[in-house]
Amino acid sequence: MPSLTLLESFTATARAGSFAGAARRLGVSPSAIGKAIQRLEEELGVTLFRRTTRHLELTEEGRTLLSGVSPALEALDEALEELRDRTERLAGPLTLTVPLVGYHFLNARLESFLRAHSEVTVEIRFSDRMTDLVAEGIDLGIRNGPLRDSSLKLRRFGPYHHGLYAAPAYLERRGMPSLDSLDGHDRIGFRYSMTGRLQPWLRRDGAPLALSPPRMVVSAIEGARSAAIAGLGVSWLPDFVVTEDLARGRLVRVLAAELHEAGAFFLVWPAARAMPRRLRALIDHLVAPAS
């Protein structure tokens, strides 16, 4: 029977689609993963992967082995993790991927978690890119919008709302916009970096406004926020980035009764990976009601 190490190398490679991704997951070198796969294939007398210059693809024999081995390895991981939970303190590293503006809603929750668990360390990768959690060795992601990847588990993290905001100085100079006059105002648009499309501004019924191109377009929410504060125009912003600006009078809500968009953030993590106790504790902490 092949060793547990060889089978772990195989399943990690199958899930990551590359030796490099499996190596990051298991904390070894890509060459060690390659040698393990070669040895496993020799022991079984079959080819498990079709190798191309860019990625690995499971053969029929490989898919058969994966379907049989994965449940057993996951059950073993869960049993070992449960045993560790009874004896170990929370400790070790966690890697998160978070939207660029995520510090607005994450830092306070994260501070209280790290203060309570001094032996846990965290690396946060801020990016709006749709990161491959398994291939890049990431424990937890925060994403908004619908989740289309069935290989991920998720829990709802919290809602947010988009609305239209402007600086008092701008409104004093140009006047309070109405739906009819909004197209004639200076508008700060946001362009999605992944698709190149402009973010729509929505009525409360979900219908997008038909507007001419905005006078100013940015590719970062913080850029739109700072431009609005500077009086360059009205901007469509999420509520969690303007909380302090509203309290300090730097921005005011415009057309709140007519324009609104609701969204939600989700915590996501690989479904096929045994969850370390520190990760489970962080997820539970993040979704708990704020005290």
C-alpha atoms as a PDB file:
ATOM      1  CA  MET A   1       0.000   0.000   0.000  1.00  0.00           C
ATOM      2  CA  PRO A   2       1.355   3.494  -0.837  1.00  0.00           C
ATOM      3  CA  SER A   3       2.480   5.583   2.110  1.00  0.00           C
ATOM      4  CA  LEU A   4       0.344   8.333   3.599  1.00  0.00           C
ATOM      5  CA  THR A   5       2.907  10.912   2.451  1.00  0.00           C
ATOM      6  CA  LEU A   6       2.558   9.843  -1.182  1.00  0.00           C
ATOM      7  CA  LEU A   7      -1.228   9.933  -1.014  1.00  0.00           C
ATOM      8  CA  GLU A   8      -1.209  13.374   0.617  1.00  0.00           C
ATOM      9  CA  SER A   9       1.112  14.652  -2.112  1.00  0.00           C
ATOM     10  CA  PHE A  10      -1.224  13.240  -4.748  1.00  0.00           C
ATOM     11  CA  THR A  11      -4.425  14.773  -3.331  1.00  0.00           C
ATOM     12  CA  ALA A  12      -2.760  18.154  -2.771  1.00  0.00           C
ATOM     13  CA  THR A  13      -1.516  18.165  -6.367  1.00  0.00           C
ATOM     14  CA  ALA A  14      -4.923  17.161  -7.726  1.00  0.00           C
ATOM     15  CA  ARG A  15      -6.640  19.988  -5.848  1.00  0.00           C
ATOM     16  CA  ALA A  16      -4.021  22.632  -6.634  1.00  0.00           C
ATOM     17  CA  GLY A  17      -3.485  21.592 -10.257  1.00  0.00           C
ATOM     18  CA  SER A  18       0.273  22.027  -9.984  1.00  0.00           C
ATOM     19  CA  PHE A  19       3.317  20.809  -8.079  1.00  0.00           C
ATOM     20  CA  ALA A  20       3.991  24.382  -6.908  1.00  0.00           C
ATOM     21  CA  GLY A  21       0.500  24.759  -5.439  1.00  0.00           C
ATOM     22  CA  ALA A  22       0.732  21.402  -3.678  1.00  0.00           C
ATOM     23  CA  ALA A  23       4.176  22.327  -2.346  1.00  0.00           C
ATOM     24  CA  ARG A  24       2.819  25.537  -0.790  1.00  0.00           C
ATOM     25  CA  ARG A  25      -0.017  23.588   0.776  1.00  0.00           C
ATOM     26  CA  LEU A  26       2.234  20.932   2.309  1.00  0.00           C
ATOM     27  CA  GLY A  27       5.253  23.107   3.085  1.00  0.00           C
ATOM     28  CA  VAL A  28       7.743  21.223   0.903  1.00  0.00           C
ATOM     29  CA  SER A  29       9.541  21.897  -2.376  1.00  0.00           C
ATOM     30  CA  PRO A  30       7.897  21.386  -5.799  1.00  0.00           C
ATOM     31  CA  SER A  31      10.616  18.876  -6.671  1.00  0.00           C
ATOM     32  CA  ALA A  32       9.673  16.798  -3.615  1.00  0.00           C
ATOM     33  CA  ILE A  33       6.060  16.760  -4.788  1.00  0.00           C
ATOM     34  CA  GLY A  34       7.122  15.730  -8.283  1.00  0.00           C
ATOM     35  CA  LYS A  35       9.220  12.869  -6.952  1.00  0.00           C
ATOM     36  CA  ALA A  36       6.368  11.713  -4.714  1.00  0.00           C
ATOM     37  CA  ILE A  37       3.943  11.614  -7.643  1.00  0.00           C
ATOM     38  CA  GLN A  38       6.458   9.730  -9.782  1.00  0.00           C
ATOM     39  CA  ARG A  39       7.012   7.166  -7.034  1.00  0.00           C
ATOM     40  CA  LEU A  40       3.271   6.725  -6.499  1.00  0.00           C
ATOM     41  CA  GLU A  41       2.713   6.166 -10.207  1.00  0.00           C
ATOM     42  CA  GLU A  42       5.508   3.597 -10.244  1.00  0.00           C
ATOM     43  CA  GLU A  43       4.062   1.760  -7.240  1.00  0.00           C
ATOM     44  CA  LEU A  44       0.562   1.669  -8.730  1.00  0.00           C
ATOM     45  CA  GLY A  45       1.672   1.047 -12.304  1.00  0.00           C
ATOM     46  CA  VAL A  46      -0.589   3.777 -13.720  1.00  0.00           C
ATOM     47  CA  THR A  47      -0.325   7.366 -14.934  1.00  0.00           C
ATOM     48  CA  LEU A  48      -2.179   9.705 -12.605  1.00  0.00           C
ATOM     49  CA  PHE A  49      -1.639  13.046 -14.367  1.00  0.00           C
ATOM     50  CA  ARG A  50      -1.330  14.308 -17.911  1.00  0.00           C
ATOM     51  CA  ARG A  51       1.440  16.884 -17.829  1.00  0.00           C
ATOM     52  CA  THR A  52       1.410  20.019 -19.983  1.00  0.00           C
ATOM     53  CA  THR A  53       3.640  23.078 -19.896  1.00  0.00           C
ATOM     54  CA  ARG A  54       1.087  24.999 -17.838  1.00  0.00           C
ATOM     55  CA  HIS A  55      -0.850  22.616 -15.620  1.00  0.00           C
ATOM     56  CA  LEU A  56      -1.602  19.048 -14.618  1.00  0.00           C
ATOM     57  CA  GLU A  57      -4.789  17.199 -15.519  1.00  0.00           C
ATOM     58  CA  LEU A  58      -5.996  14.030 -13.816  1.00  0.00           C
ATOM     59  CA  THR A  59      -6.248  10.885 -15.908  1.00  0.00           C
ATOM     60  CA  GLU A  60      -9.201   8.526 -15.503  1.00  0.00           C
ATOM     61  CA  GLU A  61      -7.073   6.463 -13.101  1.00  0.00           C
ATOM     62  CA  GLY A  62      -6.180   9.618 -11.216  1.00  0.00           C
ATOM     63  CA  ARG A  63      -9.828  10.626 -10.811  1.00  0.00           C
ATOM     64  CA  THR A  64     -10.661   7.150  -9.538  1.00  0.00           C
ATOM     65  CA  LEU A  65      -7.886   7.287  -6.966  1.00  0.00           C
ATOM     66  CA  LEU A  66      -8.850  10.794  -5.846  1.00  0.00           C
ATOM     67  CA  SER A  67     -12.499   9.860  -5.295  1.00  0.00           C
ATOM     68  CA  GLY A  68     -11.449   6.917  -3.136  1.00  0.00           C
ATOM     69  CA  VAL A  69      -8.608   8.517  -1.194  1.00  0.00           C
ATOM     70  CA  SER A  70     -10.000  12.003  -0.453  1.00  0.00           C
ATOM     71  CA  PRO A  71     -12.762  10.985   2.004  1.00  0.00           C
ATOM     72  CA  ALA A  72     -10.346   8.805   3.973  1.00  0.00           C
ATOM     73  CA  LEU A  73      -7.697  11.529   4.233  1.00  0.00           C
ATOM     74  CA  GLU A  74     -10.279  14.137   5.219  1.00  0.00           C
ATOM     75  CA  ALA A  75     -11.654  11.851   7.937  1.00  0.00           C
ATOM     76  CA  LEU A  76      -8.128  11.290   9.221  1.00  0.00           C
ATOM     77  CA  ASP A  77      -7.409  15.042   9.230  1.00  0.00           C
ATOM     78  CA  GLU A  78     -10.624  15.735  11.138  1.00  0.00           C
ATOM     79  CA  ALA A  79      -9.849  13.074  13.727  1.00  0.00           C
ATOM     80  CA  LEU A  80      -6.328  14.403  14.273  1.00  0.00           C
ATOM     81  CA  GLU A  81      -7.578  17.988  14.441  1.00  0.00           C
ATOM     82  CA  GLU A  82     -10.185  17.058  17.028  1.00  0.00           C
ATOM     83  CA  LEU A  83      -7.476  15.387  19.098  1.00  0.00           C
ATOM     84  CA  ARG A  84      -5.262  18.471  18.858  1.00  0.00           C
ATOM     85  CA  ASP A  85      -8.164  20.684  19.897  1.00  0.00           C
ATOM     86  CA  ARG A  86      -8.273  18.955  23.252  1.00  0.00           C
ATOM     87  CA  THR A  87      -4.622  19.538  24.039  1.00  0.00           C
ATOM     88  CA  GLU A  88      -3.301  22.548  22.096  1.00  0.00           C
ATOM     89  CA  ARG A  89      -3.647  26.262  22.540  1.00  0.00           C
ATOM     90  CA  LEU A  90      -4.496  28.389  19.513  1.00  0.00           C
ATOM     91  CA  ALA A  91      -1.201  29.015  17.726  1.00  0.00           C
ATOM     92  CA  GLY A  92       0.300  29.244  14.283  1.00  0.00           C
ATOM     93  CA  PRO A  93      -0.039  31.295  11.086  1.00  0.00           C
ATOM     94  CA  LEU A  94      -3.143  32.288   9.131  1.00  0.00           C
ATOM     95  CA  THR A  95      -3.136  33.832   5.661  1.00  0.00           C
ATOM     96  CA  LEU A  96      -6.093  35.951   4.535  1.00  0.00           C
ATOM     97  CA  THR A  97      -7.033  37.590   1.243  1.00  0.00           C
ATOM     98  CA  VAL A  98      -9.141  40.720   1.715  1.00  0.00           C
ATOM     99  CA  PRO A  99     -10.524  43.425  -0.638  1.00  0.00           C
ATOM    100  CA  LEU A 100      -8.427  46.577  -0.848  1.00  0.00           C
ATOM    101  CA  VAL A 101     -10.908  48.509   1.309  1.00  0.00           C
ATOM    102  CA  GLY A 102     -11.287  45.622   3.755  1.00  0.00           C
ATOM    103  CA  TYR A 103      -9.336  47.263   6.546  1.00  0.00           C
ATOM    104  CA  HIS A 104     -12.347  49.510   7.166  1.00  0.00           C
ATOM    105  CA  PHE A 105     -14.394  46.594   8.506  1.00  0.00           C
ATOM    106  CA  LEU A 106     -11.736  44.035   9.458  1.00  0.00           C
ATOM    107  CA  ASN A 107      -9.170  45.726  11.663  1.00  0.00           C
ATOM    108  CA  ALA A 108     -11.270  46.197  14.800  1.00  0.00           C
ATOM    109  CA  ARG A 109     -12.509  42.586  14.772  1.00  0.00           C
ATOM    110  CA  LEU A 110      -9.034  41.268  14.036  1.00  0.00           C
ATOM    111  CA  GLU A 111      -7.432  43.316  16.814  1.00  0.00           C
ATOM    112  CA  SER A 112      -9.628  41.749  19.485  1.00  0.00           C
ATOM    113  CA  PHE A 113      -8.975  38.238  18.150  1.00  0.00           C
ATOM    114  CA  LEU A 114      -5.182  38.663  18.102  1.00  0.00           C
ATOM    115  CA  ARG A 115      -5.224  40.220  21.553  1.00  0.00           C
ATOM    116  CA  ALA A 116      -7.040  37.143  22.875  1.00  0.00           C
ATOM    117  CA  HIS A 117      -4.734  34.663  21.068  1.00  0.00           C
ATOM    118  CA  SER A 118      -1.169  35.931  21.279  1.00  0.00           C
ATOM    119  CA  GLU A 119       0.386  32.896  19.569  1.00  0.00           C
ATOM    120  CA  VAL A 120      -1.590  33.286  16.329  1.00  0.00           C
ATOM    121  CA  THR A 121       0.054  35.271  13.519  1.00  0.00           C
ATOM    122  CA  VAL A 122      -1.763  36.734  10.499  1.00  0.00           C
ATOM    123  CA  GLU A 123      -0.683  37.671   6.982  1.00  0.00           C
ATOM    124  CA  ILE A 124      -3.226  39.762   5.060  1.00  0.00           C
ATOM    125  CA  ARG A 125      -3.001  40.076   1.284  1.00  0.00           C
ATOM    126  CA  PHE A 126      -5.099  43.045   0.179  1.00  0.00           C
ATOM    127  CA  SER A 127      -6.343  42.550  -3.373  1.00  0.00           C
ATOM    128  CA  ASP A 128      -9.534  42.833  -5.416  1.00  0.00           C
ATOM    129  CA  ARG A 129      -8.355  39.941  -7.587  1.00  0.00           C
ATOM    130  CA  MET A 130     -10.341  36.681  -7.420  1.00  0.00           C
ATOM    131  CA  THR A 131      -7.618  34.687  -5.673  1.00  0.00           C
ATOM    132  CA  ASP A 132      -7.315  30.881  -5.962  1.00  0.00           C
ATOM    133  CA  LEU A 133      -7.228  30.033  -2.256  1.00  0.00           C
ATOM    134  CA  VAL A 134      -5.942  26.476  -2.671  1.00  0.00           C
ATOM    135  CA  ALA A 135      -3.248  27.203  -5.251  1.00  0.00           C
ATOM    136  CA  GLU A 136      -1.920  30.191  -3.286  1.00  0.00           C
ATOM    137  CA  GLY A 137      -2.045  28.535   0.130  1.00  0.00           C
ATOM    138  CA  ILE A 138      -4.587  30.970   1.605  1.00  0.00           C
ATOM    139  CA  ASP A 139      -6.618  29.946   4.638  1.00  0.00           C
ATOM    140  CA  LEU A 140      -9.483  32.448   4.482  1.00  0.00           C
ATOM    141  CA  GLY A 141     -10.868  34.938   2.000  1.00  0.00           C
ATOM    142  CA  ILE A 142     -13.375  37.764   2.265  1.00  0.00           C
ATOM    143  CA  ARG A 143     -15.457  38.199  -0.875  1.00  0.00           C
ATOM    144  CA  ASN A 144     -18.563  40.073  -1.918  1.00  0.00           C
ATOM    145  CA  GLY A 145     -21.239  39.109  -4.379  1.00  0.00           C
ATOM    146  CA  PRO A 146     -22.431  35.638  -5.394  1.00  0.00           C
ATOM    147  CA  LEU A 147     -20.127  32.688  -4.796  1.00  0.00           C
ATOM    148  CA  ARG A 148     -19.746  30.478  -7.863  1.00  0.00           C
ATOM    149  CA  ASP A 149     -16.893  28.211  -6.709  1.00  0.00           C
ATOM    150  CA  SER A 150     -18.336  24.971  -5.317  1.00  0.00           C
ATOM    151  CA  SER A 151     -14.936  23.995  -3.871  1.00  0.00           C
ATOM    152  CA  LEU A 152     -15.307  26.701  -1.205  1.00  0.00           C
ATOM    153  CA  LYS A 153     -17.307  26.820   1.994  1.00  0.00           C
ATOM    154  CA  LEU A 154     -18.709  30.118   3.176  1.00  0.00           C
ATOM    155  CA  ARG A 155     -20.336  32.003   6.009  1.00  0.00           C
ATOM    156  CA  ARG A 156     -22.027  35.360   5.760  1.00  0.00           C
ATOM    157  CA  PHE A 157     -19.783  38.047   7.249  1.00  0.00           C
ATOM    158  CA  GLY A 158     -21.970  41.105   7.050  1.00  0.00           C
ATOM    159  CA  PRO A 159     -24.053  43.434   4.856  1.00  0.00           C
ATOM    160  CA  TYR A 160     -23.058  46.731   3.326  1.00  0.00           C
ATOM    161  CA  HIS A 161     -24.883  49.397   1.322  1.00  0.00           C
ATOM    162  CA  HIS A 162     -23.894  51.704  -1.523  1.00  0.00           C
ATOM    163  CA  GLY A 163     -25.241  55.210  -1.758  1.00  0.00           C
ATOM    164  CA  LEU A 164     -24.469  58.602  -3.255  1.00  0.00           C
ATOM    165  CA  TYR A 165     -22.277  60.995  -1.268  1.00  0.00           C
ATOM    166  CA  ALA A 166     -20.874  64.489  -1.712  1.00  0.00           C
ATOM    167  CA  ALA A 167     -18.955  67.108   0.256  1.00  0.00           C
ATOM    168  CA  PRO A 168     -20.926  69.999   1.803  1.00  0.00           C
ATOM    169  CA  ALA A 169     -18.710  72.472  -0.094  1.00  0.00           C
ATOM    170  CA  TYR A 170     -19.605  70.864  -3.415  1.00  0.00           C
ATOM    171  CA  LEU A 171     -23.329  70.945  -2.624  1.00  0.00           C
ATOM    172  CA  GLU A 172     -23.091  74.579  -1.555  1.00  0.00           C
ATOM    173  CA  ARG A 173     -21.422  75.420  -4.865  1.00  0.00           C
ATOM    174  CA  ARG A 174     -23.534  73.270  -7.217  1.00  0.00           C
ATOM    175  CA  GLY A 175     -26.731  72.708  -5.269  1.00  0.00           C
ATOM    176  CA  MET A 176     -28.397  69.525  -4.089  1.00  0.00           C
ATOM    177  CA  PRO A 177     -28.945  67.195  -7.061  1.00  0.00           C
ATOM    178  CA  SER A 178     -32.266  65.635  -7.962  1.00  0.00           C
ATOM    179  CA  LEU A 179     -32.764  62.582 -10.157  1.00  0.00           C
ATOM    180  CA  ASP A 180     -33.563  64.913 -13.051  1.00  0.00           C
ATOM    181  CA  SER A 181     -30.507  67.130 -12.532  1.00  0.00           C
ATOM    182  CA  LEU A 182     -27.986  64.433 -11.535  1.00  0.00           C
ATOM    183  CA  ASP A 183     -26.719  63.925 -15.088  1.00  0.00           C
ATOM    184  CA  GLY A 184     -25.607  67.555 -15.152  1.00  0.00           C
ATOM    185  CA  HIS A 185     -23.562  67.277 -11.948  1.00  0.00           C
ATOM    186  CA  ASP A 186     -19.871  66.443 -11.674  1.00  0.00           C
ATOM    187  CA  ARG A 187     -19.810  62.703 -11.050  1.00  0.00           C
ATOM    188  CA  ILE A 188     -16.978  60.458  -9.863  1.00  0.00           C
ATOM    189  CA  GLY A 189     -17.267  57.010 -11.399  1.00  0.00           C
ATOM    190  CA  PHE A 190     -15.576  53.785 -10.359  1.00  0.00           C
ATOM    191  CA  ARG A 191     -14.180  51.370 -12.964  1.00  0.00           C
ATOM    192  CA  TYR A 192     -13.773  47.688 -12.032  1.00  0.00           C
ATOM    193  CA  SER A 193     -10.145  46.708 -12.581  1.00  0.00           C
ATOM    194  CA  MET A 194     -11.035  43.086 -13.421  1.00  0.00           C
ATOM    195  CA  THR A 195     -13.657  43.818 -16.108  1.00  0.00           C
ATOM    196  CA  GLY A 196     -13.018  47.419 -17.121  1.00  0.00           C
ATOM    197  CA  ARG A 197     -16.699  48.242 -16.691  1.00  0.00           C
ATOM    198  CA  LEU A 198     -18.073  51.252 -14.857  1.00  0.00           C
ATOM    199  CA  GLN A 199     -19.958  50.547 -11.653  1.00  0.00           C
ATOM    200  CA  PRO A 200     -23.667  51.358 -12.113  1.00  0.00           C
ATOM    201  CA  TRP A 201     -25.619  53.641  -9.829  1.00  0.00           C
ATOM    202  CA  LEU A 202     -28.877  51.983  -8.837  1.00  0.00           C
ATOM    203  CA  ARG A 203     -32.391  53.012  -7.886  1.00  0.00           C
ATOM    204  CA  ARG A 204     -33.893  51.340  -4.838  1.00  0.00           C
ATOM    205  CA  ASP A 205     -35.759  48.949  -7.128  1.00  0.00           C
ATOM    206  CA  GLY A 206     -32.424  47.771  -8.578  1.00  0.00           C
ATOM    207  CA  ALA A 207     -32.723  49.569 -11.919  1.00  0.00           C
ATOM    208  CA  PRO A 208     -29.520  51.326 -13.066  1.00  0.00           C
ATOM    209  CA  LEU A 209     -29.606  55.034 -13.813  1.00  0.00           C
ATOM    210  CA  ALA A 210     -29.107  56.064 -17.436  1.00  0.00           C
ATOM    211  CA  LEU A 211     -26.344  58.665 -17.158  1.00  0.00           C
ATOM    212  CA  SER A 212     -23.802  60.192 -19.489  1.00  0.00           C
ATOM    213  CA  PRO A 213     -20.120  59.298 -18.887  1.00  0.00           C
ATOM    214  CA  PRO A 214     -18.849  60.731 -15.568  1.00  0.00           C
ATOM    215  CA  ARG A 215     -16.418  63.617 -15.584  1.00  0.00           C
ATOM    216  CA  MET A 216     -13.931  61.689 -13.446  1.00  0.00           C
ATOM    217  CA  VAL A 217     -13.280  57.926 -13.290  1.00  0.00           C
ATOM    218  CA  VAL A 218     -11.114  56.114 -10.719  1.00  0.00           C
ATOM    219  CA  SER A 219     -10.096  52.472 -10.221  1.00  0.00           C
ATOM    220  CA  ALA A 220      -9.958  52.507  -6.410  1.00  0.00           C
ATOM    221  CA  ILE A 221     -12.744  53.138  -3.908  1.00  0.00           C
ATOM    222  CA  GLU A 222     -10.384  55.161  -1.726  1.00  0.00           C
ATOM    223  CA  GLY A 223      -9.701  57.391  -4.728  1.00  0.00           C
ATOM    224  CA  ALA A 224     -13.420  57.989  -5.221  1.00  0.00           C
ATOM    225  CA  ARG A 225     -13.869  58.731  -1.523  1.00  0.00           C
ATOM    226  CA  SER A 226     -10.987  61.229  -1.361  1.00  0.00           C
ATOM    227  CA  ALA A 227     -12.151  62.948  -4.563  1.00  0.00           C
ATOM    228  CA  ALA A 228     -15.633  63.362  -3.106  1.00  0.00           C
ATOM    229  CA  ILE A 229     -14.216  64.802   0.122  1.00  0.00           C
ATOM    230  CA  ALA A 230     -12.167  67.243  -1.960  1.00  0.00           C
ATOM    231  CA  GLY A 231     -15.376  68.520  -3.578  1.00  0.00           C
ATOM    232  CA  LEU A 232     -14.752  67.122  -7.056  1.00  0.00           C
ATOM    233  CA  GLY A 233     -18.250  65.734  -7.394  1.00  0.00           C
ATOM    234  CA  VAL A 234     -20.792  63.199  -6.181  1.00  0.00           C
ATOM    235  CA  SER A 235     -19.610  59.618  -5.720  1.00  0.00           C
ATOM    236  CA  TRP A 236     -21.208  56.166  -5.326  1.00  0.00           C
ATOM    237  CA  LEU A 237     -19.610  54.668  -2.195  1.00  0.00           C
ATOM    238  CA  PRO A 238     -20.097  51.786   0.274  1.00  0.00           C
ATOM    239  CA  ASP A 239     -21.264  52.852   3.710  1.00  0.00           C
ATOM    240  CA  PHE A 240     -18.373  51.252   5.623  1.00  0.00           C
ATOM    241  CA  VAL A 241     -15.780  53.567   4.026  1.00  0.00           C
ATOM    242  CA  VAL A 242     -17.644  56.792   4.844  1.00  0.00           C
ATOM    243  CA  THR A 243     -18.728  56.190   8.462  1.00  0.00           C
ATOM    244  CA  GLU A 244     -16.161  58.567   9.942  1.00  0.00           C
ATOM    245  CA  ASP A 245     -16.577  61.074   7.098  1.00  0.00           C
ATOM    246  CA  LEU A 246     -20.289  61.337   7.845  1.00  0.00           C
ATOM    247  CA  ALA A 247     -19.668  61.737  11.566  1.00  0.00           C
ATOM    248  CA  ARG A 248     -17.128  64.500  10.944  1.00  0.00           C
ATOM    249  CA  GLY A 249     -19.229  66.284   8.335  1.00  0.00           C
ATOM    250  CA  ARG A 250     -16.820  65.699   5.469  1.00  0.00           C
ATOM    251  CA  LEU A 251     -19.514  63.967   3.399  1.00  0.00           C
ATOM    252  CA  VAL A 252     -23.310  63.878   3.346  1.00  0.00           C
ATOM    253  CA  ARG A 253     -25.713  61.362   1.812  1.00  0.00           C
ATOM    254  CA  VAL A 254     -27.438  62.493  -1.366  1.00  0.00           C
ATOM    255  CA  LEU A 255     -30.741  61.168  -2.797  1.00  0.00           C
ATOM    256  CA  ALA A 256     -30.955  58.515  -0.080  1.00  0.00           C
ATOM    257  CA  ALA A 257     -34.651  57.895  -0.671  1.00  0.00           C
ATOM    258  CA  GLU A 258     -34.175  57.259  -4.394  1.00  0.00           C
ATOM    259  CA  LEU A 259     -30.754  55.598  -4.755  1.00  0.00           C
ATOM    260  CA  HIS A 260     -29.519  52.558  -2.833  1.00  0.00           C
ATOM    261  CA  GLU A 261     -27.749  49.224  -3.369  1.00  0.00           C
ATOM    262  CA  ALA A 262     -27.418  46.393  -0.834  1.00  0.00           C
ATOM    263  CA  GLY A 263     -24.605  43.829  -0.811  1.00  0.00           C
ATOM    264  CA  ALA A 264     -22.928  41.375   1.531  1.00  0.00           C
ATOM    265  CA  PHE A 265     -19.460  40.082   2.363  1.00  0.00           C
ATOM    266  CA  PHE A 266     -18.762  36.377   2.867  1.00  0.00           C
ATOM    267  CA  LEU A 267     -15.953  34.473   4.546  1.00  0.00           C
ATOM    268  CA  VAL A 268     -14.753  31.671   2.235  1.00  0.00           C
ATOM    269  CA  TRP A 269     -12.287  28.817   2.699  1.00  0.00           C
ATOM    270  CA  PRO A 270     -11.371  25.594   0.865  1.00  0.00           C
ATOM    271  CA  ALA A 271     -14.010  22.900   1.408  1.00  0.00           C
ATOM    272  CA  ALA A 272     -11.611  20.008   0.897  1.00  0.00           C
ATOM    273  CA  ARG A 273      -9.097  21.121   3.527  1.00  0.00           C
ATOM    274  CA  ALA A 274      -9.257  20.112   7.184  1.00  0.00           C
ATOM    275  CA  MET A 275      -9.852  23.289   9.173  1.00  0.00           C
ATOM    276  CA  PRO A 276      -7.219  24.158  11.791  1.00  0.00           C
ATOM    277  CA  ARG A 277      -8.629  25.119  15.156  1.00  0.00           C
ATOM    278  CA  ARG A 278      -7.196  28.640  14.875  1.00  0.00           C
ATOM    279  CA  LEU A 279      -9.033  29.173  11.570  1.00  0.00           C
ATOM    280  CA  ARG A 280     -12.325  27.904  12.961  1.00  0.00           C
ATOM    281  CA  ALA A 281     -11.892  30.200  15.960  1.00  0.00           C
ATOM    282  CA  LEU A 282     -11.182  33.217  13.729  1.00  0.00           C
ATOM    283  CA  ILE A 283     -14.253  32.555  11.562  1.00  0.00           C
ATOM    284  CA  ASP A 284     -16.479  32.221  14.627  1.00  0.00           C
ATOM    285  CA  HIS A 285     -15.002  35.437  16.045  1.00  0.00           C
ATOM    286  CA  LEU A 286     -15.523  37.413  12.840  1.00  0.00           C
ATOM    287  CA  VAL A 287     -19.162  36.415  12.370  1.00  0.00           C
ATOM    288  CA  ALA A 288     -20.120  36.895  16.020  1.00  0.00           C
ATOM    289  CA  PRO A 289     -22.175  40.035  16.759  1.00  0.00           C
ATOM    290  CA  ALA A 290     -19.952  42.989  17.593  1.00  0.00           C
ATOM    291  CA  SER A 291     -19.852  43.695  21.296  1.00  0.00           C
END
